Amino acid sequence: MLIIGSIAVLLLLSIFIQTYWLKYSHCQLGEHSDTNLTIVQLSDLHGRTGFINGSLSQKVNRMKPDIVVITGDLVSRKKQLAAVLKEVQKIDCPQLFFVPGNYERECMEGFRKRSYSDQEYEQIIQRLQNQNISVLTNHGATAAMKNQKVLIYGFDNSIYGNESLTMTREEMSSFPYIILLAHSPSIIKLIEEQQVPYDLLLVGHTHGGQIRFLNRTLGAYKNYHVGLKRVDERRNFFITRGLGTVKIPIRLACSPEIAVFHIGLERKVIA
């Protein structure tokens, strides 16, 4: 019995560490240069801001990012929003961008999920904007980096069918680097159908499966990759494991992550 008890304790400790130990995932895209751009992606917080090895803002600030993007699902329950926004406010970065996920339009109440009213949704968006976070819902914004201009285009949540492209391919292609943001990887269907140009596509939603076995995702998202997929010589598609949990409050072989992209911008310079 003592041996069985010890094994159970070790198993629980392992699950706890895998759920609450925050890791970095680093990706180098392009050549190293003096104009490297450091981008941090956060996603699927679901109210989670503290980890065994530090708070979310501490871990992000350690990377000294030029740009931080958040690809949706800040909280699972409405009452968590104030604490999450307080933590996000501690992130030391002049350029923060956000695209909404499904949990910006719905929440858990008890054991049930309910949809937000239009007014509740707009209140969430307004609170983000009040913290100087650029909310991108089917439009683009320009991020500055020395003598470079980077286009960041954010899609509204494709799970609700709200996504659309409001720029022409010609307008987008005038930028030396194009970053697309969406919550769900299902956005790839629109991108491929409309031949949307991009260098880096960042999404979340899948949690990497949250529970993985033999490096494979189990369940509904088993057909999506996890991490970086190089589509071709130019295009890179990244699906993050995210930070929090839903339904089952644990992670196995799928630690929470902060995705960090080091981008060498030497392909084209705007005068």
Protein backbone atom coordinates (compact mmCIF):
# COMPACT_ATOMS: atom_id res chain seq x y z
CA MET A 1 0.00 0.00 0.00
CA LEU A 2 2.87 2.36 0.81
CA ILE A 3 4.39 1.79 -2.65
CA ILE A 4 1.02 2.38 -4.34
CA GLY A 5 0.55 5.56 -2.32
CA SER A 6 4.01 6.83 -3.25
CA ILE A 7 3.36 6.15 -6.92
CA ALA A 8 0.05 8.03 -6.72
CA VAL A 9 1.74 11.02 -5.08
CA LEU A 10 4.47 11.09 -7.73
CA LEU A 11 1.86 10.85 -10.48
CA LEU A 12 -0.14 13.74 -9.05
CA LEU A 13 3.04 15.81 -8.64
CA SER A 14 3.98 15.11 -12.27
CA ILE A 15 0.55 16.19 -13.49
CA PHE A 16 0.73 19.35 -11.35
CA ILE A 17 4.12 20.30 -12.78
CA GLN A 18 3.05 19.61 -16.36
CA THR A 19 -0.02 21.81 -15.86
CA TYR A 20 1.61 24.72 -14.03
CA TRP A 21 5.25 24.88 -15.24
CA LEU A 22 5.39 27.55 -17.95
CA LYS A 23 7.80 27.00 -20.83
CA TYR A 24 9.15 29.14 -23.66
CA SER A 25 9.02 27.93 -27.24
CA HIS A 26 11.59 29.81 -29.35
CA CYS A 27 11.41 30.08 -33.14
CA GLN A 28 14.05 31.80 -35.28
CA LEU A 29 12.58 32.95 -38.60
CA GLY A 30 14.86 34.54 -41.17
CA GLU A 31 18.49 35.42 -40.71
CA HIS A 32 19.88 36.97 -37.55
CA SER A 33 20.33 40.71 -38.07
CA ASP A 34 20.59 44.03 -36.27
CA THR A 35 16.88 44.57 -36.95
CA ASN A 36 15.60 41.38 -35.36
CA LEU A 37 12.00 41.62 -34.25
CA THR A 38 10.97 39.75 -31.11
CA ILE A 39 7.31 38.78 -30.99
CA VAL A 40 5.62 37.02 -28.08
CA GLN A 41 2.36 35.14 -28.55
CA LEU A 42 0.01 34.42 -25.67
CA SER A 43 -3.21 32.50 -26.06
CA ASP A 44 -5.99 30.69 -24.21
CA LEU A 45 -5.24 32.01 -20.74
CA HIS A 46 -8.67 30.96 -19.42
CA GLY A 47 -7.96 32.99 -16.31
CA ARG A 48 -4.46 31.59 -15.70
CA THR A 49 -1.83 34.23 -14.86
CA GLY A 50 0.37 32.51 -12.24
CA PHE A 51 2.66 29.52 -12.63
CA ILE A 52 5.11 27.56 -10.50
CA ASN A 53 8.06 29.38 -12.07
CA GLY A 54 6.69 32.92 -12.11
CA SER A 55 3.83 35.16 -13.14
CA LEU A 56 2.84 35.55 -16.77
CA SER A 57 4.00 39.17 -16.99
CA GLN A 58 7.38 38.34 -15.43
CA LYS A 59 7.97 35.59 -17.96
CA VAL A 60 6.94 37.79 -20.90
CA ASN A 61 8.99 40.79 -19.78
CA ARG A 62 12.09 38.60 -19.55
CA MET A 63 11.95 38.25 -23.35
CA LYS A 64 11.91 42.05 -23.89
CA PRO A 65 9.42 41.77 -26.76
CA ASP A 66 8.89 44.39 -29.44
CA ILE A 67 5.36 43.11 -30.02
CA VAL A 68 2.99 41.01 -27.91
CA VAL A 69 -0.03 39.34 -29.50
CA ILE A 70 -2.85 37.62 -27.64
CA THR A 71 -4.92 35.24 -29.72
CA GLY A 72 -8.09 35.02 -27.65
CA ASP A 73 -9.78 33.26 -24.73
CA LEU A 74 -8.62 35.45 -21.86
CA VAL A 75 -10.98 33.94 -19.30
CA SER A 76 -13.45 31.11 -18.89
CA ARG A 77 -15.54 32.92 -16.28
CA LYS A 78 -16.51 36.58 -16.38
CA LYS A 79 -15.32 37.26 -12.83
CA GLN A 80 -11.74 36.36 -13.86
CA LEU A 81 -11.40 39.23 -16.32
CA ALA A 82 -10.29 41.97 -13.90
CA ALA A 83 -7.36 39.90 -12.58
CA VAL A 84 -6.26 38.89 -16.09
CA LEU A 85 -6.36 42.47 -17.38
CA LYS A 86 -4.38 43.60 -14.33
CA GLU A 87 -1.69 41.02 -15.16
CA VAL A 88 -1.63 41.95 -18.86
CA GLN A 89 -1.20 45.59 -17.87
CA LYS A 90 2.11 44.63 -16.22
CA ILE A 91 3.56 43.50 -19.55
CA ASP A 92 6.26 45.93 -20.60
CA CYS A 93 5.69 46.27 -24.33
CA PRO A 94 4.59 49.32 -26.33
CA GLN A 95 2.74 47.31 -28.98
CA LEU A 96 0.04 44.86 -27.84
CA PHE A 97 -2.49 43.30 -30.21
CA PHE A 98 -5.51 41.12 -29.52
CA VAL A 99 -7.96 39.02 -31.52
CA PRO A 100 -11.08 37.57 -29.87
CA GLY A 101 -11.67 33.89 -29.26
CA ASN A 102 -14.85 32.00 -28.53
CA TYR A 103 -14.56 32.81 -24.80
CA GLU A 104 -14.85 36.50 -25.58
CA ARG A 105 -18.40 35.71 -26.71
CA GLU A 106 -19.28 33.05 -24.14
CA CYS A 107 -18.44 32.05 -20.59
CA MET A 108 -18.97 29.35 -18.01
CA GLU A 109 -21.55 29.89 -15.30
CA GLY A 110 -21.51 27.00 -12.87
CA PHE A 111 -21.28 23.92 -15.04
CA ARG A 112 -23.02 25.50 -18.00
CA LYS A 113 -21.83 27.67 -20.84
CA ARG A 114 -23.78 30.76 -21.89
CA SER A 115 -23.35 33.29 -24.67
CA TYR A 116 -22.57 36.91 -23.89
CA SER A 117 -24.95 39.60 -25.07
CA ASP A 118 -23.64 42.03 -27.67
CA GLN A 119 -23.36 44.62 -24.91
CA GLU A 120 -21.26 42.31 -22.71
CA TYR A 121 -18.96 41.51 -25.63
CA GLU A 122 -18.50 45.21 -26.43
CA GLN A 123 -17.69 45.91 -22.77
CA ILE A 124 -14.88 43.35 -22.86
CA ILE A 125 -13.46 44.87 -26.05
CA GLN A 126 -13.70 48.37 -24.56
CA ARG A 127 -11.82 47.31 -21.42
CA LEU A 128 -9.00 45.97 -23.60
CA GLN A 129 -8.87 49.16 -25.65
CA ASN A 130 -8.82 51.23 -22.45
CA GLN A 131 -5.50 49.49 -21.68
CA ASN A 132 -4.07 50.59 -25.05
CA ILE A 133 -4.39 47.10 -26.50
CA SER A 134 -5.18 47.16 -30.21
CA VAL A 135 -8.14 44.87 -30.86
CA LEU A 136 -8.08 43.57 -34.43
CA THR A 137 -11.38 42.22 -35.72
CA ASN A 138 -11.04 41.82 -39.47
CA HIS A 139 -8.65 44.69 -39.96
CA GLY A 140 -4.95 45.39 -39.92
CA ALA A 141 -2.54 47.60 -38.04
CA THR A 142 1.03 48.68 -38.67
CA ALA A 143 3.73 47.81 -36.16
CA ALA A 144 6.95 49.79 -36.22
CA MET A 145 10.46 48.36 -35.89
CA LYS A 146 13.28 50.78 -36.70
CA ASN A 147 13.05 51.35 -40.47
CA GLN A 148 10.63 48.46 -41.00
CA LYS A 149 6.86 48.45 -41.18
CA VAL A 150 5.16 45.19 -40.28
CA LEU A 151 1.51 44.48 -41.10
CA ILE A 152 -0.45 42.70 -38.39
CA TYR A 153 -3.87 41.59 -39.59
CA GLY A 154 -6.32 40.08 -37.12
CA PHE A 155 -9.33 37.94 -37.99
CA ASP A 156 -12.47 37.81 -35.89
CA ASN A 157 -13.25 34.40 -34.47
CA SER A 158 -13.81 31.88 -37.25
CA ILE A 159 -15.70 29.52 -34.92
CA TYR A 160 -18.64 31.92 -35.13
CA GLY A 161 -18.18 32.58 -38.85
CA ASN A 162 -17.22 36.21 -38.25
CA GLU A 163 -13.91 36.17 -40.12
CA SER A 164 -13.36 38.23 -43.26
CA LEU A 165 -10.59 39.89 -45.23
CA THR A 166 -11.02 43.65 -45.61
CA MET A 167 -7.70 44.42 -47.34
CA THR A 168 -6.72 43.53 -50.87
CA ARG A 169 -3.80 41.18 -51.50
CA GLU A 170 -2.06 44.08 -53.23
CA GLU A 171 -2.39 46.29 -50.14
CA MET A 172 -1.06 43.55 -47.92
CA SER A 173 1.83 42.67 -50.21
CA SER A 174 3.16 46.22 -50.01
CA PHE A 175 4.45 45.43 -46.52
CA PRO A 176 7.83 43.73 -46.05
CA TYR A 177 6.46 41.35 -43.42
CA ILE A 178 2.89 40.14 -42.82
CA ILE A 179 1.66 38.57 -39.58
CA LEU A 180 -1.84 37.09 -39.46
CA LEU A 181 -3.63 36.50 -36.15
CA ALA A 182 -6.66 34.35 -35.46
CA HIS A 183 -7.99 32.34 -32.57
CA SER A 184 -8.80 29.09 -34.33
CA PRO A 185 -6.60 27.23 -36.84
CA SER A 186 -9.72 26.73 -38.97
CA ILE A 187 -8.92 30.20 -40.36
CA ILE A 188 -6.48 28.45 -42.70
CA LYS A 189 -9.43 27.51 -44.94
CA LEU A 190 -10.24 31.17 -45.67
CA ILE A 191 -6.56 32.03 -46.06
CA GLU A 192 -6.03 29.32 -48.63
CA GLU A 193 -9.28 29.97 -50.49
CA GLN A 194 -8.57 33.71 -50.81
CA GLN A 195 -4.81 33.26 -51.25
CA VAL A 196 -4.04 35.66 -48.42
CA PRO A 197 -0.30 36.46 -48.34
CA TYR A 198 1.54 36.04 -45.07
CA ASP A 199 4.90 35.33 -43.49
CA LEU A 200 3.66 34.20 -40.08
CA LEU A 201 0.23 32.92 -39.05
CA LEU A 202 -0.37 32.69 -35.28
CA VAL A 203 -3.36 30.89 -33.77
CA GLY A 204 -4.38 29.03 -30.62
CA HIS A 205 -7.65 27.40 -29.51
CA THR A 206 -6.55 23.74 -29.59
CA HIS A 207 -4.43 23.86 -26.39
CA GLY A 208 -2.19 21.42 -28.25
CA GLY A 209 -4.81 18.86 -27.33
CA GLN A 210 -4.05 19.58 -23.64
CA ILE A 211 -3.45 15.86 -23.16
CA ARG A 212 -0.99 14.22 -25.53
CA PHE A 213 0.17 10.62 -25.88
CA LEU A 214 3.30 9.53 -27.77
CA ASN A 215 3.60 13.13 -29.03
CA ARG A 216 0.16 12.94 -30.59
CA THR A 217 -2.91 15.04 -29.92
CA LEU A 218 -5.94 13.16 -28.68
CA GLY A 219 -9.53 14.14 -29.35
CA ALA A 220 -11.12 16.82 -31.50
CA TYR A 221 -7.92 18.53 -32.67
CA LYS A 222 -5.91 15.48 -33.65
CA ASN A 223 -5.76 16.63 -37.28
CA TYR A 224 -4.01 19.90 -36.41
CA HIS A 225 -0.28 20.20 -35.89
CA VAL A 226 1.23 21.65 -32.72
CA GLY A 227 3.95 24.29 -32.86
CA LEU A 228 5.57 25.54 -36.06
CA LYS A 229 4.73 24.26 -39.52
CA ARG A 230 6.77 25.62 -42.42
CA VAL A 231 4.21 25.77 -45.22
CA ASP A 232 6.78 26.85 -47.82
CA GLU A 233 9.93 28.95 -48.11
CA ARG A 234 8.06 32.08 -47.01
CA ARG A 235 5.02 31.05 -44.96
CA ASN A 236 5.08 29.79 -41.36
CA PHE A 237 2.00 28.56 -39.48
CA PHE A 238 2.21 28.29 -35.67
CA ILE A 239 -0.41 26.73 -33.38
CA THR A 240 0.39 27.39 -29.73
CA ARG A 241 -0.37 25.07 -26.83
CA GLY A 242 -1.64 28.11 -24.95
CA LEU A 243 -1.57 28.75 -21.22
CA GLY A 244 -4.72 27.61 -19.45
CA THR A 245 -7.07 24.66 -19.46
CA VAL A 246 -10.74 23.98 -20.16
CA LYS A 247 -13.06 21.08 -19.28
CA ILE A 248 -10.34 18.93 -17.69
CA PRO A 249 -8.09 21.17 -15.50
CA ILE A 250 -4.85 19.32 -16.28
CA ARG A 251 -2.19 19.01 -18.96
CA LEU A 252 -0.23 15.88 -19.84
CA ALA A 253 2.83 15.99 -22.10
CA CYS A 254 1.58 19.41 -23.20
CA SER A 255 3.01 22.13 -20.96
CA PRO A 256 1.67 25.69 -21.10
CA GLU A 257 3.82 27.89 -23.30
CA ILE A 258 4.84 31.38 -24.25
CA ALA A 259 5.75 31.36 -27.93
CA VAL A 260 8.69 33.62 -28.80
CA PHE A 261 9.54 34.49 -32.41
CA HIS A 262 12.88 36.04 -33.35
CA ILE A 263 12.44 37.45 -36.83
CA GLY A 264 15.27 38.71 -39.03
CA LEU A 265 13.87 41.52 -41.18
CA GLU A 266 16.28 41.80 -44.08
CA ARG A 267 14.05 40.78 -46.96
CA LYS A 268 12.81 44.24 -47.87
CA VAL A 269 13.24 47.72 -46.42
CA ILE A 270 10.71 50.53 -46.69
CA ALA A 271 12.33 53.90 -47.18
